Amino acid sequence: MPDEAQSAAAPQPDKPVAAPATPQKAAPSNAPKPAPPEPAADAVRPPEAAKPAEPAA
């Protein structure tokens, strides 16, 4: 059973790595691909905006 868990865990790391590589290939063909990067920046911006708000308050 433990062997199966390890096998399943190995495919997981491979998937995340293959996922980013696939989007990049589709990016040139799919213009909407650039949209995902925006959400990522927004997620990082909220934390930064919250930090300045704390000191300001």
C-alpha atoms as a PDB file:
ATOM      1  CA  MET A   1       0.000   0.000   0.000  1.00  0.00           C
ATOM      2  CA  PRO A   2       2.774   2.518   0.940  1.00  0.00           C
ATOM      3  CA  ASP A   3       4.288   1.945  -2.507  1.00  0.00           C
ATOM      4  CA  GLU A   4       1.036   3.067  -4.127  1.00  0.00           C
ATOM      5  CA  ALA A   5       0.983   6.249  -2.043  1.00  0.00           C
ATOM      6  CA  GLN A   6       4.527   7.093  -3.167  1.00  0.00           C
ATOM      7  CA  SER A   7       3.639   6.382  -6.810  1.00  0.00           C
ATOM      8  CA  ALA A   8       0.609   8.684  -6.563  1.00  0.00           C
ATOM      9  CA  ALA A   9       2.730  11.352  -4.880  1.00  0.00           C
ATOM     10  CA  ALA A  10       5.347  11.230  -7.665  1.00  0.00           C
ATOM     11  CA  PRO A  11       2.791  11.903 -10.462  1.00  0.00           C
ATOM     12  CA  GLN A  12       1.504  14.911  -8.517  1.00  0.00           C
ATOM     13  CA  PRO A  13       4.799  16.892  -8.634  1.00  0.00           C
ATOM     14  CA  ASP A  14       5.167  15.928 -12.308  1.00  0.00           C
ATOM     15  CA  LYS A  15       1.672  17.221 -13.104  1.00  0.00           C
ATOM     16  CA  PRO A  16       2.275  20.733 -11.669  1.00  0.00           C
ATOM     17  CA  VAL A  17       5.506  20.967 -13.667  1.00  0.00           C
ATOM     18  CA  ALA A  18       3.848  19.737 -16.868  1.00  0.00           C
ATOM     19  CA  ALA A  19       0.847  22.029 -16.336  1.00  0.00           C
ATOM     20  CA  PRO A  20       2.913  25.271 -16.468  1.00  0.00           C
ATOM     21  CA  ALA A  21       4.737  23.966 -19.554  1.00  0.00           C
ATOM     22  CA  THR A  22       1.445  23.245 -21.341  1.00  0.00           C
ATOM     23  CA  PRO A  23      -0.062  26.715 -20.658  1.00  0.00           C
ATOM     24  CA  GLN A  24       3.082  28.342 -22.035  1.00  0.00           C
ATOM     25  CA  LYS A  25       2.717  26.446 -25.320  1.00  0.00           C
ATOM     26  CA  ALA A  26      -0.965  27.405 -25.490  1.00  0.00           C
ATOM     27  CA  ALA A  27      -0.132  31.005 -24.530  1.00  0.00           C
ATOM     28  CA  PRO A  28       1.177  31.878 -28.035  1.00  0.00           C
ATOM     29  CA  SER A  29      -1.858  30.169 -29.601  1.00  0.00           C
ATOM     30  CA  ASN A  30      -4.336  31.240 -26.904  1.00  0.00           C
ATOM     31  CA  ALA A  31      -4.362  34.972 -26.162  1.00  0.00           C
ATOM     32  CA  PRO A  32      -6.545  34.413 -23.047  1.00  0.00           C
ATOM     33  CA  LYS A  33      -3.572  32.635 -21.442  1.00  0.00           C
ATOM     34  CA  PRO A  34      -2.067  36.013 -20.331  1.00  0.00           C
ATOM     35  CA  ALA A  35      -5.198  36.423 -18.191  1.00  0.00           C
ATOM     36  CA  PRO A  36      -4.039  33.841 -15.554  1.00  0.00           C
ATOM     37  CA  PRO A  37      -0.852  35.844 -14.772  1.00  0.00           C
ATOM     38  CA  GLU A  38      -3.025  38.865 -13.890  1.00  0.00           C
ATOM     39  CA  PRO A  39      -4.977  37.020 -11.144  1.00  0.00           C
ATOM     40  CA  ALA A  40      -1.670  35.887  -9.667  1.00  0.00           C
ATOM     41  CA  ALA A  41      -0.459  39.504  -9.433  1.00  0.00           C
ATOM     42  CA  ASP A  42      -3.764  40.540  -7.850  1.00  0.00           C
ATOM     43  CA  ALA A  43      -3.375  37.829  -5.208  1.00  0.00           C
ATOM     44  CA  VAL A  44       0.088  39.200  -4.372  1.00  0.00           C
ATOM     45  CA  ARG A  45      -1.043  42.828  -4.457  1.00  0.00           C
ATOM     46  CA  PRO A  46      -3.816  42.460  -1.846  1.00  0.00           C
ATOM     47  CA  PRO A  47      -1.273  41.368   0.829  1.00  0.00           C
ATOM     48  CA  GLU A  48       0.990  44.306  -0.056  1.00  0.00           C
ATOM     49  CA  ALA A  49      -1.913  46.778   0.019  1.00  0.00           C
ATOM     50  CA  ALA A  50      -2.949  45.397   3.419  1.00  0.00           C
ATOM     51  CA  LYS A  51       0.578  45.959   4.810  1.00  0.00           C
ATOM     52  CA  PRO A  52       0.695  49.701   3.900  1.00  0.00           C
ATOM     53  CA  ALA A  53      -2.846  50.079   5.259  1.00  0.00           C
ATOM     54  CA  GLU A  54      -1.777  48.731   8.666  1.00  0.00           C
ATOM     55  CA  PRO A  55       1.145  51.177   9.176  1.00  0.00           C
ATOM     56  CA  ALA A  56      -0.978  54.041   7.790  1.00  0.00           C
ATOM     57  CA  ALA A  57      -3.745  53.282  10.278  1.00  0.00           C
END
